[in-house]
C-alpha atoms as a PDB file:
ATOM      1  CA  UNK A   1      90.475  97.256 108.453  1.00  0.00           C
ATOM      2  CA  UNK A   2      93.902  98.565 108.691  1.00  0.00           C
ATOM      3  CA  UNK A   3      95.234  98.757 112.198  1.00  0.00           C
ATOM      4  CA  UNK A   4      98.523 100.548 113.264  1.00  0.00           C
ATOM      5  CA  UNK A   5     100.088  99.862 116.804  1.00  0.00           C
ATOM      6  CA  UNK A   6     102.003 102.313 118.199  1.00  0.00           C
ATOM      7  CA  UNK A   7     104.528 100.902 120.829  1.00  0.00           C
ATOM      8  CA  UNK A   8     107.716 101.989 122.675  1.00  0.00           C
ATOM      9  CA  UNK A   9     109.972  99.091 121.380  1.00  0.00           C
ATOM     10  CA  UNK A  10     113.242 101.102 121.617  1.00  0.00           C
ATOM     11  CA  UNK A  11     112.944 103.017 124.990  1.00  0.00           C
ATOM     12  CA  UNK A  12     115.316 102.078 127.852  1.00  0.00           C
ATOM     13  CA  UNK A  13     112.352 100.734 129.734  1.00  0.00           C
ATOM     14  CA  UNK A  14     111.360  98.462 127.010  1.00  0.00           C
ATOM     15  CA  UNK A  15     114.846  96.838 126.434  1.00  0.00           C
ATOM     16  CA  UNK A  16     114.460  92.978 126.773  1.00  0.00           C
ATOM     17  CA  UNK A  17     110.690  93.305 127.045  1.00  0.00           C
ATOM     18  CA  UNK A  18     108.530  91.507 124.499  1.00  0.00           C
ATOM     19  CA  UNK A  19     105.310  93.273 123.606  1.00  0.00           C
ATOM     20  CA  UNK A  20     103.124  90.243 124.195  1.00  0.00           C
ATOM     21  CA  UNK A  21      99.765  92.089 124.253  1.00  0.00           C
ATOM     22  CA  UNK A  22     100.579  93.605 120.912  1.00  0.00           C
ATOM     23  CA  UNK A  23     101.756  90.371 119.414  1.00  0.00           C
ATOM     24  CA  UNK A  24      98.621  88.459 120.546  1.00  0.00           C
ATOM     25  CA  UNK A  25      96.142  91.160 119.252  1.00  0.00           C
ATOM     26  CA  UNK A  26      98.139  91.750 115.917  1.00  0.00           C
ATOM     27  CA  UNK A  27      97.929  87.670 115.432  1.00  0.00           C
ATOM     28  CA  UNK A  28      94.189  87.729 116.204  1.00  0.00           C
ATOM     29  CA  UNK A  29      93.481  90.667 113.822  1.00  0.00           C
ATOM     30  CA  UNK A  30      95.587  89.221 110.986  1.00  0.00           C
ATOM     31  CA  UNK A  31      93.764  85.929 111.594  1.00  0.00           C
ATOM     32  CA  UNK A  32      90.564  87.777 111.069  1.00  0.00           C
ATOM     33  CA  UNK A  33      91.628  89.236 107.824  1.00  0.00           C
ATOM     34  CA  UNK A  34      92.772  92.619 108.964  1.00  0.00           C
ATOM     35  CA  UNK A  35      95.766  94.491 107.930  1.00  0.00           C
ATOM     36  CA  UNK A  36      98.427  95.198 110.769  1.00  0.00           C
ATOM     37  CA  UNK A  37     101.404  97.186 111.160  1.00  0.00           C
ATOM     38  CA  UNK A  38     103.519  98.668 113.925  1.00  0.00           C
ATOM     39  CA  UNK A  39     105.724 101.651 114.539  1.00  0.00           C
ATOM     40  CA  UNK A  40     108.006 102.740 117.517  1.00  0.00           C
ATOM     41  CA  UNK A  41     107.433 105.754 119.418  1.00  0.00           C
ATOM     42  CA  UNK A  42     110.987 107.042 119.304  1.00  0.00           C
ATOM     43  CA  UNK A  43     110.569 109.832 116.741  1.00  0.00           C
ATOM     44  CA  UNK A  44     107.072 111.569 115.883  1.00  0.00           C
ATOM     45  CA  UNK A  45     108.312 112.044 112.433  1.00  0.00           C
ATOM     46  CA  UNK A  46     108.549 108.221 111.841  1.00  0.00           C
ATOM     47  CA  UNK A  47     104.856 107.948 113.285  1.00  0.00           C
ATOM     48  CA  UNK A  48     103.455 110.585 110.922  1.00  0.00           C
ATOM     49  CA  UNK A  49     105.348 109.101 108.114  1.00  0.00           C
ATOM     50  CA  UNK A  50     103.826 105.542 108.839  1.00  0.00           C
ATOM     51  CA  UNK A  51     100.378 107.285 109.178  1.00  0.00           C
ATOM     52  CA  UNK A  52     100.855 108.748 105.594  1.00  0.00           C
ATOM     53  CA  UNK A  53     102.034 105.616 104.102  1.00  0.00           C
ATOM     54  CA  UNK A  54      99.724 102.967 105.911  1.00  0.00           C
ATOM     55  CA  UNK A  55      96.550 105.232 106.267  1.00  0.00           C
ATOM     56  CA  UNK A  56      95.215 103.221 109.236  1.00  0.00           C
ATOM     57  CA  UNK A  57      91.614 103.012 110.088  1.00  0.00           C
ATOM     58  CA  UNK A  58      92.450 102.437 113.819  1.00  0.00           C
ATOM     59  CA  UNK A  59      95.489 103.438 115.845  1.00  0.00           C
ATOM     60  CA  UNK A  60      96.163 101.246 119.034  1.00  0.00           C
ATOM     61  CA  UNK A  61      98.569 102.160 121.836  1.00  0.00           C
ATOM     62  CA  UNK A  62     100.093  99.623 124.268  1.00  0.00           C
ATOM     63  CA  UNK A  63     100.660 101.833 127.477  1.00  0.00           C
ATOM     64  CA  UNK A  64     102.403 100.756 130.445  1.00  0.00           C
ATOM     65  CA  UNK A  65     101.581 102.835 133.445  1.00  0.00           C
ATOM     66  CA  UNK A  66     104.764 104.566 133.847  1.00  0.00           C
ATOM     67  CA  UNK A  67     104.612 105.834 130.183  1.00  0.00           C
ATOM     68  CA  UNK A  68     101.078 107.405 130.299  1.00  0.00           C
ATOM     69  CA  UNK A  69     102.280 110.875 130.087  1.00  0.00           C
ATOM     70  CA  UNK A  70     104.246 110.164 127.000  1.00  0.00           C
ATOM     71  CA  UNK A  71     101.285 108.429 125.196  1.00  0.00           C
ATOM     72  CA  UNK A  72      98.966 111.311 126.258  1.00  0.00           C
ATOM     73  CA  UNK A  73     101.355 113.681 124.581  1.00  0.00           C
ATOM     74  CA  UNK A  74     101.676 111.513 121.682  1.00  0.00           C
ATOM     75  CA  UNK A  75      97.767 111.313 121.340  1.00  0.00           C
ATOM     76  CA  UNK A  76      97.628 115.139 121.336  1.00  0.00           C
ATOM     77  CA  UNK A  77     100.241 115.314 118.442  1.00  0.00           C
ATOM     78  CA  UNK A  78      98.389 112.940 116.586  1.00  0.00           C
ATOM     79  CA  UNK A  79      95.100 114.736 117.000  1.00  0.00           C
ATOM     80  CA  UNK A  80      96.694 117.947 115.962  1.00  0.00           C
ATOM     81  CA  UNK A  81      98.324 116.240 112.948  1.00  0.00           C
ATOM     82  CA  UNK A  82      94.783 115.860 111.642  1.00  0.00           C
ATOM     83  CA  UNK A  83      93.685 112.402 112.967  1.00  0.00           C
ATOM     84  CA  UNK A  84      91.025 111.986 115.563  1.00  0.00           C
ATOM     85  CA  UNK A  85      92.173 109.629 118.200  1.00  0.00           C
ATOM     86  CA  UNK A  86      89.709 108.147 120.689  1.00  0.00           C
ATOM     87  CA  UNK A  87      91.484 106.801 123.808  1.00  0.00           C
ATOM     88  CA  UNK A  88      90.004 103.878 125.971  1.00  0.00           C
ATOM     89  CA  UNK A  89      91.358 102.306 128.875  1.00  0.00           C
ATOM     90  CA  UNK A  90      90.376 100.322 131.814  1.00  0.00           C
ATOM     91  CA  UNK A  91      90.652 101.160 135.698  1.00  0.00           C
END
């Protein structure tokens, strides 16, 4: 399975933060034989290019609470791009 992580790596709130959740999940997925890639949220055109090039089976977001609106909008854009994205979360 091809898994694409979308994460805010370059945003001002992300500077100095290591996305440990993404790194742990990525390592576990790779260990299990899956192909994993990562794209930053900085530009939507970069995300769509990565989706075209990588052709992921699954797209995963790592969302911090203060960024939920950005990821909701990103989810809408990806759905309009032609991919069906299912969102899951914990309360």
